[in-house]
PDB file of N, CA and C in Angstrom:
ATOM      1  N   MET A   1     150.893-208.918   7.661  1.00  0.00           N
ATOM      2  CA  MET A   1     150.796-209.532   6.823  1.00  0.00           C
ATOM      3  C   MET A   1     151.180-211.466   6.806  1.00  0.00           C
ATOM      4  N   GLY A   2     151.563-211.427   8.351  1.00  0.00           N
ATOM      5  CA  GLY A   2     152.429-213.015   8.320  1.00  0.00           C
ATOM      6  C   GLY A   2     151.509-213.803   9.094  1.00  0.00           C
ATOM      7  N   ARG A   3     149.572-213.615   8.826  1.00  0.00           N
ATOM      8  CA  ARG A   3     148.603-213.781   9.165  1.00  0.00           C
ATOM      9  C   ARG A   3     148.064-215.127   8.648  1.00  0.00           C
ATOM     10  N   PRO A   4     148.329-216.355   8.422  1.00  0.00           N
ATOM     11  CA  PRO A   4     148.263-217.176   7.217  1.00  0.00           C
ATOM     12  C   PRO A   4     146.482-217.723   7.322  1.00  0.00           C
ATOM     13  N   ASN A   5     145.912-217.142   8.233  1.00  0.00           N
ATOM     14  CA  ASN A   5     144.342-217.647   8.023  1.00  0.00           C
ATOM     15  C   ASN A   5     143.212-216.021   8.092  1.00  0.00           C
ATOM     16  N   GLU A   6     144.086-215.256   7.257  1.00  0.00           N
ATOM     17  CA  GLU A   6     143.565-214.430   6.798  1.00  0.00           C
ATOM     18  C   GLU A   6     142.983-214.544   5.779  1.00  0.00           C
ATOM     19  N   TYR A   7     141.700-214.139   5.858  1.00  0.00           N
ATOM     20  CA  TYR A   7     140.479-214.415   5.084  1.00  0.00           C
ATOM     21  C   TYR A   7     141.018-213.007   3.879  1.00  0.00           C
ATOM     22  N   ALA A   8     141.238-213.599   2.204  1.00  0.00           N
ATOM     23  CA  ALA A   8     142.446-213.185   1.176  1.00  0.00           C
ATOM     24  C   ALA A   8     141.467-212.466   0.386  1.00  0.00           C
ATOM     25  N   GLY A   9     140.071-212.410   0.748  1.00  0.00           N
ATOM     26  CA  GLY A   9     139.600-212.471  -0.584  1.00  0.00           C
ATOM     27  C   GLY A   9     138.854-213.115  -1.450  1.00  0.00           C
ATOM     28  N   ASP A  10     137.746-213.101  -2.625  1.00  0.00           N
ATOM     29  CA  ASP A  10     137.748-213.559  -3.648  1.00  0.00           C
ATOM     30  C   ASP A  10     139.269-214.167  -4.837  1.00  0.00           C
ATOM     31  N   MET A  11     139.818-214.822  -4.939  1.00  0.00           N
ATOM     32  CA  MET A  11     141.046-215.219  -5.434  1.00  0.00           C
ATOM     33  C   MET A  11     140.646-215.078  -6.854  1.00  0.00           C
ATOM     34  N   ARG A  12     138.982-215.102  -7.655  1.00  0.00           N
ATOM     35  CA  ARG A  12     139.247-215.305  -8.979  1.00  0.00           C
ATOM     36  C   ARG A  12     139.070-213.748  -9.390  1.00  0.00           C
ATOM     37  N   TRP A  13     138.929-213.054  -9.341  1.00  0.00           N
ATOM     38  CA  TRP A  13     138.910-211.451  -9.405  1.00  0.00           C
ATOM     39  C   TRP A  13     140.128-210.292  -8.686  1.00  0.00           C
ATOM     40  N   GLY A  14     140.867-209.434 -10.087  1.00  0.00           N
ATOM     41  CA  GLY A  14     141.626-208.268  -9.061  1.00  0.00           C
ATOM     42  C   GLY A  14     140.638-207.298  -8.400  1.00  0.00           C
ATOM     43  N   TRP A  15     141.507-206.468  -7.380  1.00  0.00           N
ATOM     44  CA  TRP A  15     141.502-205.728  -6.570  1.00  0.00           C
ATOM     45  C   TRP A  15     141.269-204.099  -7.345  1.00  0.00           C
ATOM     46  N   GLU A  16     141.525-203.296  -6.305  1.00  0.00           N
ATOM     47  CA  GLU A  16     141.017-202.252  -6.645  1.00  0.00           C
ATOM     48  C   GLU A  16     142.252-201.085  -5.717  1.00  0.00           C
ATOM     49  N   CYS A  17     142.748-200.423  -6.814  1.00  0.00           N
ATOM     50  CA  CYS A  17     144.166-199.925  -6.598  1.00  0.00           C
ATOM     51  C   CYS A  17     144.294-198.730  -5.800  1.00  0.00           C
ATOM     52  N   PRO A  18     144.983-198.817  -4.834  1.00  0.00           N
ATOM     53  CA  PRO A  18     144.636-198.380  -3.173  1.00  0.00           C
ATOM     54  C   PRO A  18     144.741-196.509  -3.917  1.00  0.00           C
ATOM     55  N   ARG A  19     145.302-195.657  -4.562  1.00  0.00           N
ATOM     56  CA  ARG A  19     145.465-194.841  -5.158  1.00  0.00           C
ATOM     57  C   ARG A  19     144.525-194.354  -6.173  1.00  0.00           C
ATOM     58  N   CYS A  20     144.384-194.723  -6.872  1.00  0.00           N
ATOM     59  CA  CYS A  20     143.435-194.111  -8.040  1.00  0.00           C
ATOM     60  C   CYS A  20     142.314-194.852  -8.220  1.00  0.00           C
ATOM     61  N   ASP A  21     141.723-196.306  -7.934  1.00  0.00           N
ATOM     62  CA  ASP A  21     140.718-197.042  -7.621  1.00  0.00           C
ATOM     63  C   ASP A  21     140.267-197.839  -8.925  1.00  0.00           C
ATOM     64  N   ALA A  22     142.042-197.881  -9.775  1.00  0.00           N
ATOM     65  CA  ALA A  22     141.658-198.494 -10.978  1.00  0.00           C
ATOM     66  C   ALA A  22     141.476-200.330 -10.634  1.00  0.00           C
ATOM     67  N   ASP A  23     141.323-200.911 -11.636  1.00  0.00           N
ATOM     68  CA  ASP A  23     140.955-202.599 -11.595  1.00  0.00           C
ATOM     69  C   ASP A  23     142.674-202.729 -11.322  1.00  0.00           C
ATOM     70  N   VAL A  24     143.058-203.560 -10.675  1.00  0.00           N
ATOM     71  CA  VAL A  24     144.760-203.774 -10.458  1.00  0.00           C
ATOM     72  C   VAL A  24     144.368-206.319 -10.248  1.00  0.00           C
ATOM     73  N   SER A  25     145.120-206.578 -11.572  1.00  0.00           N
ATOM     74  CA  SER A  25     145.082-207.700 -11.200  1.00  0.00           C
ATOM     75  C   SER A  25     146.369-208.226 -10.506  1.00  0.00           C
ATOM     76  N   VAL A  26     146.552-209.614 -10.035  1.00  0.00           N
ATOM     77  CA  VAL A  26     147.727-210.099  -9.860  1.00  0.00           C
ATOM     78  C   VAL A  26     148.515-211.070 -10.587  1.00  0.00           C
ATOM     79  N   ALA A  27     149.687-210.738 -11.135  1.00  0.00           N
ATOM     80  CA  ALA A  27     150.340-212.328 -12.049  1.00  0.00           C
ATOM     81  C   ALA A  27     151.445-212.266 -11.630  1.00  0.00           C
ATOM     82  N   ARG A  28     151.968-213.363 -12.318  1.00  0.00           N
ATOM     83  CA  ARG A  28     153.316-214.345 -12.012  1.00  0.00           C
ATOM     84  C   ARG A  28     154.505-213.292 -12.937  1.00  0.00           C
ATOM     85  N   ASP A  29     155.612-213.624 -11.918  1.00  0.00           N
ATOM     86  CA  ASP A  29     156.377-213.222 -12.796  1.00  0.00           C
ATOM     87  C   ASP A  29     157.686-214.033 -13.280  1.00  0.00           C
ATOM     88  N   PRO A  30     157.605-214.826 -14.443  1.00  0.00           N
ATOM     89  CA  PRO A  30     158.394-215.876 -14.852  1.00  0.00           C
ATOM     90  C   PRO A  30     159.726-215.585 -14.889  1.00  0.00           C
ATOM     91  N   GLY A  31     160.332-214.442 -14.800  1.00  0.00           N
ATOM     92  CA  GLY A  31     161.572-214.596 -14.838  1.00  0.00           C
ATOM     93  C   GLY A  31     162.138-214.733 -13.241  1.00  0.00           C
ATOM     94  N   SER A  32     161.032-214.248 -11.920  1.00  0.00           N
ATOM     95  CA  SER A  32     162.096-213.937 -10.704  1.00  0.00           C
ATOM     96  C   SER A  32     161.208-215.669  -9.766  1.00  0.00           C
ATOM     97  N   GLU A  33     159.783-216.240 -10.034  1.00  0.00           N
ATOM     98  CA  GLU A  33     158.435-217.217 -10.265  1.00  0.00           C
ATOM     99  C   GLU A  33     157.896-217.108  -8.902  1.00  0.00           C
ATOM    100  N   THR A  34     157.918-215.270  -8.750  1.00  0.00           N
ATOM    101  CA  THR A  34     157.882-214.600  -8.086  1.00  0.00           C
ATOM    102  C   THR A  34     155.855-213.924  -8.033  1.00  0.00           C
ATOM    103  N   PHE A  35     155.418-213.609  -7.478  1.00  0.00           N
ATOM    104  CA  PHE A  35     153.949-212.615  -8.216  1.00  0.00           C
ATOM    105  C   PHE A  35     153.957-211.169  -7.731  1.00  0.00           C
ATOM    106  N   HIS A  36     153.356-210.492  -8.420  1.00  0.00           N
ATOM    107  CA  HIS A  36     153.408-209.037  -8.105  1.00  0.00           C
ATOM    108  C   HIS A  36     151.587-208.387  -9.027  1.00  0.00           C
ATOM    109  N   TRP A  37     151.498-207.203  -8.245  1.00  0.00           N
ATOM    110  CA  TRP A  37     150.728-206.165  -9.198  1.00  0.00           C
ATOM    111  C   TRP A  37     151.283-205.084  -9.227  1.00  0.00           C
ATOM    112  N   VAL A  38     150.246-204.438 -10.377  1.00  0.00           N
ATOM    113  CA  VAL A  38     151.331-203.241 -10.801  1.00  0.00           C
ATOM    114  C   VAL A  38     149.643-202.570 -10.892  1.00  0.00           C
ATOM    115  N   CYS A  39     149.832-200.973 -10.949  1.00  0.00           N
ATOM    116  CA  CYS A  39     148.069-199.942 -11.099  1.00  0.00           C
ATOM    117  C   CYS A  39     148.530-199.506 -13.012  1.00  0.00           C
ATOM    118  N   PRO A  40     147.128-200.315 -13.597  1.00  0.00           N
ATOM    119  CA  PRO A  40     146.845-200.035 -15.503  1.00  0.00           C
ATOM    120  C   PRO A  40     147.177-198.910 -15.672  1.00  0.00           C
ATOM    121  N   THR A  41     147.006-197.859 -14.580  1.00  0.00           N
ATOM    122  CA  THR A  41     147.195-196.268 -14.452  1.00  0.00           C
ATOM    123  C   THR A  41     148.278-195.567 -15.421  1.00  0.00           C
ATOM    124  N   GLU A  42     148.363-195.241 -15.982  1.00  0.00           N
ATOM    125  CA  GLU A  42     149.926-194.686 -16.857  1.00  0.00           C
ATOM    126  C   GLU A  42     150.272-193.696 -15.703  1.00  0.00           C
ATOM    127  N   ASP A  43     149.745-192.849 -14.778  1.00  0.00           N
ATOM    128  CA  ASP A  43     150.280-191.823 -13.874  1.00  0.00           C
ATOM    129  C   ASP A  43     150.171-192.401 -12.440  1.00  0.00           C
ATOM    130  N   CYS A  44     149.697-193.117 -12.389  1.00  0.00           N
ATOM    131  CA  CYS A  44     150.030-194.060 -11.003  1.00  0.00           C
ATOM    132  C   CYS A  44     150.738-194.981 -10.533  1.00  0.00           C
ATOM    133  N   PRO A  45     151.842-194.679  -9.811  1.00  0.00           N
ATOM    134  CA  PRO A  45     152.591-195.357  -9.194  1.00  0.00           C
ATOM    135  C   PRO A  45     152.696-196.128  -8.194  1.00  0.00           C
ATOM    136  N   SER A  46     152.104-197.163  -8.240  1.00  0.00           N
ATOM    137  CA  SER A  46     151.388-198.257  -7.796  1.00  0.00           C
ATOM    138  C   SER A  46     151.363-199.279  -7.670  1.00  0.00           C
ATOM    139  N   VAL A  47     152.715-200.064  -7.214  1.00  0.00           N
ATOM    140  CA  VAL A  47     153.473-201.534  -7.056  1.00  0.00           C
ATOM    141  C   VAL A  47     153.888-201.972  -5.955  1.00  0.00           C
ATOM    142  N   GLY A  48     153.210-203.654  -6.281  1.00  0.00           N
ATOM    143  CA  GLY A  48     153.828-204.472  -4.726  1.00  0.00           C
ATOM    144  C   GLY A  48     155.005-205.698  -5.854  1.00  0.00           C
ATOM    145  N   PHE A  49     155.496-205.944  -5.413  1.00  0.00           N
ATOM    146  CA  PHE A  49     156.075-207.505  -6.409  1.00  0.00           C
ATOM    147  C   PHE A  49     156.883-208.109  -5.620  1.00  0.00           C
ATOM    148  N   GLY A  50     157.862-209.452  -5.972  1.00  0.00           N
ATOM    149  CA  GLY A  50     158.062-210.264  -4.898  1.00  0.00           C
ATOM    150  C   GLY A  50     157.567-211.217  -3.813  1.00  0.00           C
ATOM    151  N   PHE A  51     156.586-211.353  -4.501  1.00  0.00           N
ATOM    152  CA  PHE A  51     155.163-212.183  -2.745  1.00  0.00           C
ATOM    153  C   PHE A  51     155.859-213.181  -3.632  1.00  0.00           C
ATOM    154  N   ALA A  52     155.400-214.433  -2.217  1.00  0.00           N
ATOM    155  CA  ALA A  52     155.875-215.646  -2.759  1.00  0.00           C
ATOM    156  C   ALA A  52     154.258-216.810  -3.254  1.00  0.00           C
ATOM    157  N   SER A  53     153.432-216.057  -3.206  1.00  0.00           N
ATOM    158  CA  SER A  53     152.351-216.652  -3.706  1.00  0.00           C
ATOM    159  C   SER A  53     150.999-215.186  -4.117  1.00  0.00           C
ATOM    160  N   ARG A  54     150.028-215.998  -5.119  1.00  0.00           N
ATOM    161  CA  ARG A  54     149.186-214.914  -5.454  1.00  0.00           C
ATOM    162  C   ARG A  54     148.300-214.416  -3.824  1.00  0.00           C
ATOM    163  N   ARG A  55     148.304-215.263  -3.532  1.00  0.00           N
ATOM    164  CA  ARG A  55     147.559-214.446  -1.892  1.00  0.00           C
ATOM    165  C   ARG A  55     148.034-213.834  -1.074  1.00  0.00           C
ATOM    166  N   ARG A  56     149.591-214.241  -1.057  1.00  0.00           N
ATOM    167  CA  ARG A  56     149.862-212.930  -0.439  1.00  0.00           C
ATOM    168  C   ARG A  56     149.954-211.713  -0.852  1.00  0.00           C
ATOM    169  N   ALA A  57     150.463-211.265  -2.160  1.00  0.00           N
ATOM    170  CA  ALA A  57     149.619-210.431  -3.299  1.00  0.00           C
ATOM    171  C   ALA A  57     148.951-209.499  -2.772  1.00  0.00           C
ATOM    172  N   ARG A  58     147.433-210.381  -2.318  1.00  0.00           N
ATOM    173  CA  ARG A  58     146.352-209.751  -3.064  1.00  0.00           C
ATOM    174  C   ARG A  58     146.112-209.532  -0.772  1.00  0.00           C
ATOM    175  N   LEU A  59     147.090-209.960  -0.252  1.00  0.00           N
ATOM    176  CA  LEU A  59     146.895-209.385   0.753  1.00  0.00           C
ATOM    177  C   LEU A  59     147.358-208.182   0.993  1.00  0.00           C
ATOM    178  N   ALA A  60     149.013-208.399   0.689  1.00  0.00           N
ATOM    179  CA  ALA A  60     149.419-207.220   0.818  1.00  0.00           C
ATOM    180  C   ALA A  60     149.354-205.948   0.066  1.00  0.00           C
ATOM    181  N   LEU A  61     147.670-206.171  -0.746  1.00  0.00           N
ATOM    182  CA  LEU A  61     147.585-205.741  -1.854  1.00  0.00           C
ATOM    183  C   LEU A  61     145.684-204.490  -0.978  1.00  0.00           C
ATOM    184  N   ARG A  62     145.514-205.469  -0.040  1.00  0.00           N
ATOM    185  CA  ARG A  62     144.589-204.524   0.376  1.00  0.00           C
ATOM    186  C   ARG A  62     144.981-204.486   1.800  1.00  0.00           C
ATOM    187  N   GLU A  63     146.235-204.831   1.869  1.00  0.00           N
ATOM    188  CA  GLU A  63     146.795-203.733   3.231  1.00  0.00           C
ATOM    189  C   GLU A  63     147.372-202.244   3.071  1.00  0.00           C
ATOM    190  N   TYR A  64     148.033-202.597   1.822  1.00  0.00           N
ATOM    191  CA  TYR A  64     148.370-200.896   1.059  1.00  0.00           C
ATOM    192  C   TYR A  64     147.055-200.362   1.008  1.00  0.00           C
ATOM    193  N   ARG A  65     146.572-200.822   0.580  1.00  0.00           N
ATOM    194  CA  ARG A  65     144.978-200.319   0.345  1.00  0.00           C
ATOM    195  C   ARG A  65     144.032-199.263   1.435  1.00  0.00           C
ATOM    196  N   GLU A  66     144.053-199.816   2.920  1.00  0.00           N
ATOM    197  CA  GLU A  66     143.640-199.694   3.733  1.00  0.00           C
ATOM    198  C   GLU A  66     144.662-198.768   4.440  1.00  0.00           C
ATOM    199  N   ALA A  67     145.909-198.720   4.509  1.00  0.00           N
ATOM    200  CA  ALA A  67     146.597-198.064   5.083  1.00  0.00           C
ATOM    201  C   ALA A  67     147.061-196.819   4.213  1.00  0.00           C
ATOM    202  N   TYR A  68     146.518-196.535   2.960  1.00  0.00           N
ATOM    203  CA  TYR A  68     146.581-195.380   2.281  1.00  0.00           C
ATOM    204  C   TYR A  68     145.532-194.857   2.245  1.00  0.00           C
ATOM    205  N   GLN A  69     144.215-195.184   2.931  1.00  0.00           N
ATOM    206  CA  GLN A  69     142.752-194.781   2.952  1.00  0.00           C
ATOM    207  C   GLN A  69     142.762-194.059   4.352  1.00  0.00           C
ATOM    208  N   ASN A  70     143.856-194.392   4.949  1.00  0.00           N
ATOM    209  CA  ASN A  70     143.859-194.502   6.545  1.00  0.00           C
ATOM    210  C   ASN A  70     144.511-192.689   6.340  1.00  0.00           C
ATOM    211  N   ILE A  71     145.350-192.796   5.747  1.00  0.00           N
ATOM    212  CA  ILE A  71     146.353-191.478   5.982  1.00  0.00           C
ATOM    213  C   ILE A  71     145.904-189.683   6.225  1.00  0.00           C
ATOM    214  N   TYR A  72     144.411-189.802   5.917  1.00  0.00           N
ATOM    215  CA  TYR A  72     143.600-188.552   5.656  1.00  0.00           C
ATOM    216  C   TYR A  72     142.409-188.587   6.973  1.00  0.00           C
ATOM    217  N   ARG A  73     142.650-189.318   7.608  1.00  0.00           N
ATOM    218  CA  ARG A  73     141.798-189.734   8.406  1.00  0.00           C
ATOM    219  C   ARG A  73     141.960-189.355   9.524  1.00  0.00           C
TER     220      ARG A  73
END
């Protein structure tokens, strides 16, 4: 995730949860001044937090999705 020139995708829209394909958005946590994403589905445990920027949170979400999809390949 330390690649600063990596394409982060369309920053206007949320992405899909790695586990259940629900739409996930990235939000800012006002308490810690960091960014996070949480799957909106109640029974899905996917969450990411502590990112310095919205772009880094989206890159991490994409990397998590790619890694999760490759588990059973």
